[in-house]
Amino acid sequence: MPHIILKQKINTRMPCPESLKNQQKWLYCCVYAVICISLFPCQNVRATTAFARQTGEPCVACHMQNYGPWLTQYGQKFKLDGYVAGNANKLPDAINPFALEVVGSITNTQKDAPTAYNFTGAKANNNLVNDWTALFYTGRVAEKVGAYLQLNLNPQVNHYVSLAMADIRFANHGRYKEHDVTYGISLNNAPTMSDTWMTAFAWMYPYNSSNVTIRPAAQPWLQALMSGANTAGATAYAMIDNHVYLEAGAYASQAREMAQGLGVWNFGSQSQSPQAGLIDGAAPYWRMYYQNIAGPHTMMLGTFGLMANVIPYYQRGFGTDSYQEYNIDANYSYMLDDDNMYMAMARYTRDQMTMRASNQIYGSNTSNYLNSFMVMGMWTYKKTYNFTMGWTYMQGSADMALYNGAAGFNGSVSSITGSANGSPNTNSLMFQADYIPFGKGTAGADPYINLRFSLQYTAYTQFNGAYSNYDGAGRSPEANNTLYFVGNLMF
């Protein structure tokens, strides 16, 4: 495994007292809002979604934290079996597979970002937004065929309707040389959509992050592909004795007309970044892991990755770039008792990029790399309260054309979002608390409503390659420290 540079200069600069005072006031308001909402008359409602209405089981049967997406063993089996289990439809068959989710949030950054946001009603700080409203179709389609489809409406930030997630499966069971095998085919719209662990990019924790905060200029390539959702692919998978999982397939970029029709074509698809462009042909994808359950202990160790030739900036005639991404991930959970669950997970990502075409188009390096390392610890109490701390570190080759923000194309540096030295190196800590009052199946209104509140704080000690003045215009990493309060309501 390539060596990960961990040595860092600790930034001792402290945020100004006024900034801290404002964030403290904002935090108190969020906590007060959670308390008030939890005391509404609907507090006895226990909420689940369309899958729960099909199976007759509460959300907690499939999800470790009632709301999801972290899967229990039952939930993992339900997904691998193609979403077809259960005949307990609580609503008429025509509407039972449908569910609606509304997500709203408020985001506070430690320092205003007056030029960073471009959407209706955008402010330099404290943006209250409808992150998305999603319509789901989930469940059995035929005897051995099921679907998970999520149509997102983004009325405020991005102004589009998009097929955000799609996974259509055929699954079956068999035996091979005394081994039990679950096997199937998944047609989906993004690498890792078919996965069953939350170390994969499609399902990784935290489940929500702000759409209106300052993000690092770099991210792992598969994470970018997942967020764009403008690929299409097919994979074949097999789970052997509930221990060994094997999956392989390929992905291609959607045709422009198809991407436009599904709402996933946007100008970001054509931007100058390591992730941008059109996959040339098909990109092979693989996933393997070994898992074991021993009493209260559950362990997993795996790997996944993708390799592709890419036409950058959607401009033919310059050849292609090539990207290879390799991931190693691990997860461990321990059920101390009925009330206390502990979890630790880690993922190492290596992106290797050969960028001959990008070098001709906008002067990037001919080769780049990016290492990303994530570790996270979590405590869940009574399947209702969840407390998490995570650390993420990115380190890679400097490229003045790639990491300078939108202005990088002409050689200048974007203030706030760019990197003055062209480096992607970023170091951050994340703290989050979740409150999931419903989903346990203990009330008559179950399974029609579910709810989750999350309060997240992200702190940066290094951002876009520097510990101070990273954009050349005087902005420090801690200026992007983000306090994010979000509510997910599904019914």
Protein backbone atom coordinates (compact mmCIF):
# COMPACT_ATOMS: atom_id res chain seq x y z
CA MET A 1 0.00 0.00 0.00
CA PRO A 2 1.36 3.44 -0.83
CA HIS A 3 2.68 5.41 2.08
CA ILE A 4 0.22 8.00 3.41
CA ILE A 5 1.80 11.22 4.59
CA LEU A 6 0.43 11.94 8.05
CA LYS A 7 2.87 14.55 9.31
CA GLN A 8 1.09 17.86 9.64
CA LYS A 9 1.73 21.34 10.92
CA ILE A 10 -0.88 22.10 13.57
CA ASN A 11 -2.66 25.39 12.99
CA THR A 12 -2.78 27.17 16.33
CA ARG A 13 -4.80 30.13 15.11
CA MET A 14 -8.09 30.34 16.99
CA PRO A 15 -11.39 31.54 15.51
CA CYS A 16 -12.40 35.01 16.60
CA PRO A 17 -14.63 35.22 19.70
CA GLU A 18 -17.47 36.79 17.68
CA SER A 19 -17.50 33.83 15.25
CA LEU A 20 -17.62 31.39 18.13
CA LYS A 21 -20.42 33.34 19.78
CA ASN A 22 -22.49 33.29 16.58
CA GLN A 23 -22.00 29.54 16.12
CA GLN A 24 -22.89 28.91 19.77
CA LYS A 25 -26.14 30.90 19.41
CA TRP A 26 -26.93 29.00 16.22
CA LEU A 27 -26.23 25.66 17.94
CA TYR A 28 -28.57 26.53 20.83
CA CYS A 29 -31.35 27.33 18.34
CA CYS A 30 -30.89 23.95 16.63
CA VAL A 31 -30.98 22.03 19.91
CA TYR A 32 -34.10 23.94 20.95
CA ALA A 33 -35.75 23.09 17.62
CA VAL A 34 -35.04 19.37 18.09
CA ILE A 35 -36.54 19.42 21.60
CA CYS A 36 -39.65 21.26 20.46
CA ILE A 37 -40.31 18.99 17.49
CA SER A 38 -39.75 15.84 19.54
CA LEU A 39 -42.49 17.03 21.94
CA PHE A 40 -45.15 17.43 19.25
CA PRO A 41 -48.27 15.23 19.71
CA CYS A 42 -46.94 12.86 17.00
CA GLN A 43 -44.15 11.70 19.31
CA ASN A 44 -45.78 8.26 19.69
CA VAL A 45 -45.74 7.61 15.96
CA ARG A 46 -43.18 4.98 14.91
CA ALA A 47 -42.18 5.54 11.28
CA THR A 48 -40.97 3.27 8.48
CA THR A 49 -40.98 3.27 4.64
CA ALA A 50 -42.31 1.29 1.67
CA PHE A 51 -39.94 -1.63 2.29
CA ALA A 52 -41.33 -1.99 5.81
CA ARG A 53 -44.90 -1.99 4.50
CA GLN A 54 -43.94 -4.82 2.13
CA THR A 55 -42.08 -6.96 4.67
CA GLY A 56 -44.30 -6.21 7.65
CA GLU A 57 -41.16 -5.44 9.66
CA PRO A 58 -40.24 -2.08 11.25
CA CYS A 59 -37.30 -0.07 9.90
CA VAL A 60 -35.11 -1.29 12.74
CA ALA A 61 -35.26 -4.84 11.34
CA CYS A 62 -33.28 -3.81 8.26
CA HIS A 63 -31.37 -0.76 9.51
CA MET A 64 -29.03 -0.51 12.49
CA GLN A 65 -30.25 3.01 13.27
CA ASN A 66 -33.95 2.72 12.34
CA TYR A 67 -33.77 5.16 9.43
CA GLY A 68 -30.94 3.72 7.34
CA PRO A 69 -29.04 3.12 5.23
CA TRP A 70 -26.72 1.10 7.55
CA LEU A 71 -27.96 -2.47 7.06
CA THR A 72 -28.47 -5.24 9.57
CA GLN A 73 -27.88 -8.82 8.43
CA TYR A 74 -31.59 -9.08 7.69
CA GLY A 75 -31.43 -5.89 5.64
CA GLN A 76 -28.37 -7.08 3.76
CA LYS A 77 -30.11 -10.35 2.89
CA PHE A 78 -33.22 -8.45 1.77
CA LYS A 79 -31.10 -6.40 -0.65
CA LEU A 80 -29.10 -9.35 -1.96
CA ASP A 81 -32.36 -11.25 -2.52
CA GLY A 82 -33.53 -8.47 -4.84
CA TYR A 83 -35.90 -6.50 -2.57
CA VAL A 84 -38.64 -9.13 -3.05
CA ALA A 85 -39.25 -10.58 0.44
CA GLY A 86 -42.57 -10.09 2.20
CA ASN A 87 -46.28 -10.04 1.38
CA ALA A 88 -47.56 -7.72 4.08
CA ASN A 89 -48.53 -4.75 1.91
CA LYS A 90 -50.17 -2.23 4.23
CA LEU A 91 -51.54 -0.16 1.35
CA PRO A 92 -53.12 -1.12 -1.99
CA ASP A 93 -50.57 -2.84 -4.24
CA ALA A 94 -50.57 0.05 -6.71
CA ILE A 95 -49.28 2.56 -4.18
CA ASN A 96 -47.56 0.42 -1.52
CA PRO A 97 -44.09 0.65 -3.22
CA PHE A 98 -44.09 4.46 -3.13
CA ALA A 99 -42.58 6.68 -0.44
CA LEU A 100 -41.76 10.37 -0.19
CA GLU A 101 -38.83 11.97 1.63
CA VAL A 102 -38.35 15.66 2.42
CA VAL A 103 -34.93 16.91 3.55
CA GLY A 104 -34.35 20.41 4.90
CA SER A 105 -31.33 21.98 6.55
CA ILE A 106 -29.56 25.10 7.71
CA THR A 107 -25.82 25.59 7.22
CA ASN A 108 -23.50 27.95 9.07
CA THR A 109 -19.85 28.45 8.11
CA GLN A 110 -17.45 30.09 10.52
CA LYS A 111 -16.76 32.88 8.02
CA ASP A 112 -19.07 34.21 5.33
CA ALA A 113 -18.55 33.07 1.72
CA PRO A 114 -20.16 35.90 -0.29
CA THR A 115 -19.13 34.64 -3.75
CA ALA A 116 -19.43 30.89 -3.28
CA TYR A 117 -23.13 30.15 -3.75
CA ASN A 118 -25.33 30.59 -6.79
CA PHE A 119 -28.95 29.61 -6.19
CA THR A 120 -32.26 31.31 -5.55
CA GLY A 121 -32.22 33.06 -2.20
CA ALA A 122 -28.53 32.33 -1.55
CA LYS A 123 -26.88 34.25 1.28
CA ALA A 124 -23.25 34.56 2.28
CA ASN A 125 -24.01 32.44 5.35
CA ASN A 126 -26.78 30.71 7.34
CA ASN A 127 -28.55 29.28 4.30
CA LEU A 128 -31.84 27.51 4.99
CA VAL A 129 -32.59 25.14 2.12
CA ASN A 130 -34.70 22.23 0.98
CA ASP A 131 -31.81 19.89 0.17
CA TRP A 132 -34.10 17.67 -1.84
CA THR A 133 -37.53 16.12 -2.00
CA ALA A 134 -37.41 12.52 -3.18
CA LEU A 135 -40.03 10.16 -4.57
CA PHE A 136 -39.13 6.47 -4.11
CA TYR A 137 -40.38 3.36 -5.85
CA THR A 138 -38.99 0.40 -3.93
CA GLY A 139 -39.84 -3.27 -3.63
CA ARG A 140 -40.88 -6.34 -5.55
CA VAL A 141 -41.61 -5.98 -9.27
CA ALA A 142 -41.87 -9.71 -10.08
CA GLU A 143 -41.19 -12.98 -8.26
CA LYS A 144 -37.38 -12.61 -8.40
CA VAL A 145 -37.07 -9.01 -9.56
CA GLY A 146 -37.08 -5.91 -7.37
CA ALA A 147 -36.19 -2.25 -7.65
CA TYR A 148 -34.88 0.71 -5.70
CA LEU A 149 -35.59 3.96 -7.58
CA GLN A 150 -35.13 7.46 -6.18
CA LEU A 151 -36.31 10.51 -8.12
CA ASN A 152 -34.97 13.74 -6.60
CA LEU A 153 -36.56 17.14 -6.91
CA ASN A 154 -34.13 19.96 -6.15
CA PRO A 155 -36.34 23.06 -6.34
CA GLN A 156 -34.01 25.48 -4.59
CA VAL A 157 -30.31 24.77 -5.01
CA ASN A 158 -29.97 23.11 -8.42
CA HIS A 159 -33.43 23.53 -10.02
CA TYR A 160 -33.69 20.08 -11.55
CA VAL A 161 -35.46 16.76 -11.31
CA SER A 162 -33.10 13.79 -11.46
CA LEU A 163 -33.00 10.03 -11.13
CA ALA A 164 -30.59 10.12 -8.20
CA MET A 165 -30.42 6.38 -7.45
CA ALA A 166 -31.48 3.35 -9.44
CA ASP A 167 -30.92 -0.33 -8.67
CA ILE A 168 -32.99 -3.01 -10.46
CA ARG A 169 -32.14 -6.58 -9.46
CA PHE A 170 -32.74 -10.17 -10.39
CA ALA A 171 -31.73 -12.60 -7.62
CA ASN A 172 -31.85 -16.32 -6.95
CA HIS A 173 -30.45 -19.00 -4.64
CA GLY A 174 -28.53 -22.20 -5.23
CA ARG A 175 -25.86 -24.56 -3.93
CA TYR A 176 -22.40 -25.25 -5.28
CA LYS A 177 -20.26 -28.01 -3.78
CA GLU A 178 -22.08 -27.86 -0.42
CA HIS A 179 -21.98 -24.06 -0.34
CA ASP A 180 -25.07 -21.86 -0.13
CA VAL A 181 -24.98 -19.19 -2.82
CA THR A 182 -27.14 -16.13 -3.37
CA TYR A 183 -26.50 -14.73 -6.82
CA GLY A 184 -27.94 -12.03 -9.00
CA ILE A 185 -27.62 -9.21 -11.49
CA SER A 186 -27.92 -5.51 -10.69
CA LEU A 187 -28.66 -2.80 -13.24
CA ASN A 188 -27.84 0.52 -11.59
CA ASN A 189 -26.74 4.07 -12.27
CA ALA A 190 -23.57 4.46 -10.21
CA PRO A 191 -20.64 2.37 -8.94
CA THR A 192 -21.21 1.17 -5.32
CA MET A 193 -25.02 1.56 -5.58
CA SER A 194 -25.20 -2.23 -5.36
CA ASP A 195 -23.10 -2.39 -2.17
CA THR A 196 -24.29 -3.49 1.27
CA TRP A 197 -21.77 -1.64 3.48
CA MET A 198 -21.62 2.05 4.38
CA THR A 199 -17.91 2.30 3.65
CA ALA A 200 -18.98 2.36 -0.03
CA PHE A 201 -19.44 5.83 -1.48
CA ALA A 202 -23.14 5.46 -2.32
CA TRP A 203 -24.07 4.73 1.31
CA MET A 204 -21.24 6.20 3.34
CA TYR A 205 -21.71 8.00 6.63
CA PRO A 206 -22.52 10.83 7.16
CA TYR A 207 -25.67 10.18 5.16
CA ASN A 208 -26.28 13.90 4.67
CA SER A 209 -23.83 16.73 4.07
CA SER A 210 -24.44 20.36 3.25
CA ASN A 211 -25.02 21.46 -0.34
CA VAL A 212 -24.20 25.05 0.60
CA THR A 213 -20.82 24.92 2.27
CA ILE A 214 -17.24 25.21 1.01
CA ARG A 215 -15.92 21.83 -0.06
CA PRO A 216 -12.32 20.77 -0.78
CA ALA A 217 -11.30 21.00 -4.43
CA ALA A 218 -10.51 17.27 -4.62
CA GLN A 219 -12.42 14.10 -3.83
CA PRO A 220 -12.03 10.41 -4.73
CA TRP A 221 -13.13 9.71 -8.28
CA LEU A 222 -15.80 7.12 -7.40
CA GLN A 223 -17.30 9.54 -4.90
CA ALA A 224 -17.60 12.13 -7.66
CA LEU A 225 -19.15 9.61 -10.05
CA MET A 226 -21.67 8.65 -7.37
CA SER A 227 -22.68 12.24 -6.70
CA GLY A 228 -23.11 12.91 -10.42
CA ALA A 229 -25.20 9.78 -11.02
CA ASN A 230 -24.71 10.13 -14.79
CA THR A 231 -23.36 6.63 -15.40
CA ALA A 232 -25.16 3.37 -16.15
CA GLY A 233 -23.90 -0.13 -15.57
CA ALA A 234 -24.54 -3.78 -14.82
CA THR A 235 -22.88 -6.09 -12.33
CA ALA A 236 -23.18 -9.76 -11.43
CA TYR A 237 -22.77 -10.75 -7.79
CA ALA A 238 -22.65 -13.78 -5.52
CA MET A 239 -22.72 -14.17 -1.75
CA ILE A 240 -21.23 -17.51 -0.64
CA ASP A 241 -22.22 -18.93 2.76
CA ASN A 242 -22.92 -15.38 3.96
CA HIS A 243 -19.14 -14.88 4.21
CA VAL A 244 -17.58 -14.22 0.81
CA TYR A 245 -19.03 -11.61 -1.53
CA LEU A 246 -17.90 -11.30 -5.15
CA GLU A 247 -19.12 -8.74 -7.69
CA ALA A 248 -17.92 -7.61 -11.11
CA GLY A 249 -19.35 -5.53 -13.91
CA ALA A 250 -18.85 -2.40 -15.97
CA TYR A 251 -20.10 1.17 -16.24
CA ALA A 252 -20.45 3.64 -19.08
CA SER A 253 -21.41 7.30 -19.24
CA GLN A 254 -25.00 7.95 -20.17
CA ALA A 255 -25.57 9.46 -23.59
CA ARG A 256 -26.14 13.20 -23.43
CA GLU A 257 -29.81 12.88 -24.40
CA MET A 258 -30.36 10.18 -21.76
CA ALA A 259 -28.56 12.19 -19.07
CA GLN A 260 -30.60 15.27 -19.95
CA GLY A 261 -33.84 13.26 -19.79
CA LEU A 262 -32.92 11.85 -16.37
CA GLY A 263 -31.85 15.26 -15.08
CA VAL A 264 -28.21 14.32 -14.46
CA TRP A 265 -26.64 16.36 -17.26
CA ASN A 266 -25.21 19.63 -15.99
CA PHE A 267 -22.35 21.98 -16.64
CA GLY A 268 -20.43 20.35 -13.83
CA SER A 269 -20.14 17.30 -16.06
CA GLN A 270 -17.95 19.38 -18.34
CA SER A 271 -15.83 21.18 -15.77
CA GLN A 272 -12.06 20.92 -15.54
CA SER A 273 -11.57 18.43 -12.73
CA PRO A 274 -10.07 14.97 -12.33
CA GLN A 275 -13.57 13.51 -12.27
CA ALA A 276 -15.07 15.30 -15.28
CA GLY A 277 -15.70 13.89 -18.71
CA LEU A 278 -17.19 11.07 -20.68
CA ILE A 279 -16.18 7.45 -20.03
CA ASP A 280 -14.84 6.08 -23.30
CA GLY A 281 -16.36 2.63 -23.77
CA ALA A 282 -16.92 0.59 -20.61
CA ALA A 283 -15.15 0.89 -17.27
CA PRO A 284 -14.64 -2.38 -15.33
CA TYR A 285 -15.73 -2.40 -11.67
CA TRP A 286 -15.08 -4.97 -8.96
CA ARG A 287 -16.11 -5.56 -5.37
CA MET A 288 -14.95 -8.28 -2.96
CA TYR A 289 -15.25 -8.63 0.78
CA TYR A 290 -15.16 -11.21 3.56
CA GLN A 291 -17.53 -10.84 6.49
CA ASN A 292 -17.98 -12.85 9.66
CA ILE A 293 -20.44 -12.76 12.55
CA ALA A 294 -19.36 -14.18 15.90
CA GLY A 295 -21.90 -13.56 18.65
CA PRO A 296 -22.10 -9.79 19.19
CA HIS A 297 -19.17 -9.13 16.82
CA THR A 298 -19.52 -8.39 13.09
CA MET A 299 -16.40 -7.91 10.95
CA MET A 300 -15.78 -7.08 7.29
CA LEU A 301 -12.67 -6.56 5.19
CA GLY A 302 -12.95 -5.76 1.50
CA THR A 303 -11.78 -4.00 -1.63
CA PHE A 304 -13.45 -2.31 -4.59
CA GLY A 305 -12.41 -0.18 -7.53
CA LEU A 306 -12.92 1.06 -11.07
CA MET A 307 -10.70 1.68 -14.09
CA ALA A 308 -11.67 3.86 -17.05
CA ASN A 309 -10.53 5.81 -20.07
CA VAL A 310 -12.13 9.26 -20.01
CA ILE A 311 -12.67 11.93 -22.63
CA PRO A 312 -12.08 15.07 -20.52
CA TYR A 313 -14.22 18.17 -20.77
CA TYR A 314 -16.40 16.22 -23.24
CA GLN A 315 -14.00 17.29 -26.00
CA ARG A 316 -13.10 14.62 -28.52
CA GLY A 317 -9.99 14.81 -30.65
CA PHE A 318 -7.42 14.99 -27.83
CA GLY A 319 -7.33 11.29 -26.88
CA THR A 320 -8.27 10.15 -23.40
CA ASP A 321 -7.19 10.30 -19.78
CA SER A 322 -7.04 7.11 -17.75
CA TYR A 323 -8.09 6.71 -14.13
CA GLN A 324 -7.64 3.81 -11.74
CA GLU A 325 -9.14 3.84 -8.27
CA TYR A 326 -8.45 1.19 -5.63
CA ASN A 327 -10.20 1.05 -2.24
CA ILE A 328 -9.57 -1.05 0.86
CA ASP A 329 -12.32 -0.88 3.47
CA ALA A 330 -13.04 -2.45 6.85
CA ASN A 331 -15.89 -2.40 9.32
CA TYR A 332 -16.29 -3.72 12.87
CA SER A 333 -19.36 -3.52 15.09
CA TYR A 334 -19.99 -4.77 18.60
CA MET A 335 -23.40 -5.19 20.24
CA LEU A 336 -22.59 -4.72 23.91
CA ASP A 337 -26.24 -5.22 24.92
CA ASP A 338 -29.72 -4.38 23.69
CA ASP A 339 -29.10 -0.67 24.25
CA ASN A 340 -25.47 -0.09 23.24
CA MET A 341 -23.80 -0.68 19.90
CA TYR A 342 -20.28 0.38 18.89
CA MET A 343 -18.87 0.58 15.41
CA ALA A 344 -15.54 1.44 13.80
CA MET A 345 -14.82 1.69 10.09
CA ALA A 346 -11.96 2.72 7.82
CA ARG A 347 -11.32 3.19 4.11
CA TYR A 348 -8.17 3.88 2.13
CA THR A 349 -8.53 5.16 -1.44
CA ARG A 350 -5.84 5.51 -4.09
CA ASP A 351 -6.55 7.36 -7.34
CA GLN A 352 -3.97 7.13 -10.10
CA MET A 353 -4.57 9.49 -13.05
CA THR A 354 -2.79 9.66 -16.39
CA MET A 355 -4.02 12.89 -18.00
CA ARG A 356 -2.51 13.27 -21.46
CA ALA A 357 -5.71 14.67 -22.99
CA SER A 358 -6.32 17.07 -20.10
CA ASN A 359 -2.76 18.28 -20.45
CA GLN A 360 -3.47 19.29 -24.05
CA ILE A 361 -6.84 20.89 -23.30
CA TYR A 362 -6.13 22.95 -20.20
CA GLY A 363 -2.54 22.32 -19.16
CA SER A 364 -2.88 19.90 -16.28
CA ASN A 365 -0.09 17.54 -15.26
CA THR A 366 0.27 14.47 -17.44
CA SER A 367 -0.05 12.31 -14.31
CA ASN A 368 -1.52 12.81 -10.84
CA TYR A 369 -2.38 10.78 -7.77
CA LEU A 370 -4.68 11.28 -4.79
CA ASN A 371 -4.63 9.35 -1.52
CA SER A 372 -7.63 9.55 0.79
CA PHE A 373 -7.92 7.99 4.23
CA MET A 374 -11.04 7.92 6.40
CA VAL A 375 -11.58 6.47 9.89
CA MET A 376 -14.73 6.74 11.96
CA GLY A 377 -16.06 5.61 15.33
CA MET A 378 -19.71 5.48 16.35
CA TRP A 379 -21.83 4.78 19.42
CA THR A 380 -25.56 4.08 19.06
CA TYR A 381 -27.76 4.11 22.16
CA LYS A 382 -31.18 2.44 22.22
CA LYS A 383 -31.24 2.59 18.41
CA THR A 384 -32.34 6.20 18.89
CA TYR A 385 -29.28 8.32 19.67
CA ASN A 386 -26.14 8.14 17.60
CA PHE A 387 -22.79 9.86 18.26
CA THR A 388 -19.97 9.82 15.72
CA MET A 389 -16.45 11.16 15.31
CA GLY A 390 -14.57 10.85 12.02
CA TRP A 391 -11.26 11.90 10.48
CA THR A 392 -10.55 12.35 6.77
CA TYR A 393 -7.19 13.13 5.20
CA MET A 394 -6.45 13.70 1.51
CA GLN A 395 -2.98 14.04 0.05
CA GLY A 396 -1.96 14.16 -3.60
CA SER A 397 0.10 15.72 -6.34
CA ALA A 398 -0.23 19.46 -6.90
CA ASP A 399 -1.84 20.55 -10.17
CA MET A 400 -2.42 24.24 -10.79
CA ALA A 401 -5.00 23.58 -13.51
CA LEU A 402 -7.16 21.15 -11.52
CA TYR A 403 -7.49 22.57 -8.05
CA ASN A 404 -7.77 26.31 -8.60
CA GLY A 405 -11.55 26.45 -8.83
CA ALA A 406 -13.53 27.75 -11.78
CA ALA A 407 -10.87 30.36 -12.52
CA GLY A 408 -8.16 27.72 -12.89
CA PHE A 409 -8.82 27.38 -16.61
CA ASN A 410 -7.28 30.80 -17.31
CA GLY A 411 -4.46 30.43 -14.82
CA SER A 412 -5.91 32.49 -11.96
CA VAL A 413 -7.11 31.23 -8.58
CA SER A 414 -10.72 31.33 -7.39
CA SER A 415 -11.03 33.00 -4.02
CA ILE A 416 -12.60 30.83 -1.30
CA THR A 417 -12.85 27.65 -3.45
CA GLY A 418 -9.42 27.53 -5.14
CA SER A 419 -5.92 26.44 -4.13
CA ALA A 420 -3.12 28.96 -4.50
CA ASN A 421 -0.44 26.26 -4.58
CA GLY A 422 -2.46 23.75 -6.64
CA SER A 423 -2.41 21.15 -3.86
CA PRO A 424 -5.44 19.03 -2.88
CA ASN A 425 -4.11 18.25 0.62
CA THR A 426 -6.95 18.58 3.14
CA ASN A 427 -7.32 17.46 6.76
CA SER A 428 -10.66 17.48 8.60
CA LEU A 429 -12.51 16.22 11.67
CA MET A 430 -16.24 15.54 11.73
CA PHE A 431 -18.53 15.27 14.76
CA GLN A 432 -22.18 14.30 14.45
CA ALA A 433 -25.16 13.50 16.64
CA ASP A 434 -28.31 11.84 15.25
CA TYR A 435 -31.73 11.49 16.82
CA ILE A 436 -34.12 8.90 15.33
CA PRO A 437 -37.26 8.76 17.50
CA PHE A 438 -39.31 6.40 15.32
CA GLY A 439 -38.83 3.24 13.26
CA LYS A 440 -39.06 0.66 16.06
CA GLY A 441 -42.50 -0.67 15.18
CA THR A 442 -44.14 0.00 18.54
CA ALA A 443 -47.10 2.19 17.52
CA GLY A 444 -50.27 1.77 15.48
CA ALA A 445 -49.21 4.36 12.87
CA ASP A 446 -46.18 2.24 11.94
CA PRO A 447 -45.06 1.84 9.14
CA TYR A 448 -46.03 5.14 7.53
CA ILE A 449 -43.67 7.82 8.89
CA ASN A 450 -39.99 8.01 9.85
CA LEU A 451 -37.83 10.87 11.01
CA ARG A 452 -34.17 11.69 11.64
CA PHE A 453 -32.49 14.85 12.97
CA SER A 454 -28.74 15.30 12.61
CA LEU A 455 -26.36 17.94 13.90
CA GLN A 456 -22.94 17.87 12.25
CA TYR A 457 -19.78 19.90 12.77
CA THR A 458 -16.81 19.73 10.39
CA ALA A 459 -13.49 21.34 11.34
CA TYR A 460 -10.52 21.85 9.01
CA THR A 461 -6.87 22.19 10.02
CA GLN A 462 -5.66 22.06 6.39
CA PHE A 463 -7.65 22.97 3.28
CA ASN A 464 -6.72 22.86 -0.42
CA GLY A 465 -3.04 22.44 0.33
CA ALA A 466 -2.39 25.00 3.07
CA TYR A 467 -2.74 25.65 6.80
CA SER A 468 -3.43 29.34 6.21
CA ASN A 469 -4.23 31.63 3.26
CA TYR A 470 -4.99 28.59 1.09
CA ASP A 471 -6.63 30.60 -1.72
CA GLY A 472 -4.04 33.38 -1.84
CA ALA A 473 -6.75 35.87 -0.83
CA GLY A 474 -6.39 35.48 2.92
CA ARG A 475 -8.91 32.72 3.70
CA SER A 476 -7.85 30.19 6.34
CA PRO A 477 -8.99 26.55 6.62
CA GLU A 478 -10.98 27.17 9.82
CA ALA A 479 -13.05 29.79 8.00
CA ASN A 480 -14.76 26.81 6.30
CA ASN A 481 -15.63 25.04 9.55
CA THR A 482 -19.27 24.07 9.08
CA LEU A 483 -22.19 23.61 11.45
CA TYR A 484 -25.02 21.75 9.71
CA PHE A 485 -28.45 20.88 11.07
CA VAL A 486 -30.63 18.64 8.88
CA GLY A 487 -33.95 16.87 9.18
CA ASN A 488 -35.06 13.86 7.10
CA LEU A 489 -38.79 13.07 7.04
CA MET A 490 -40.04 10.01 5.14
CA PHE A 491 -43.65 8.90 4.75
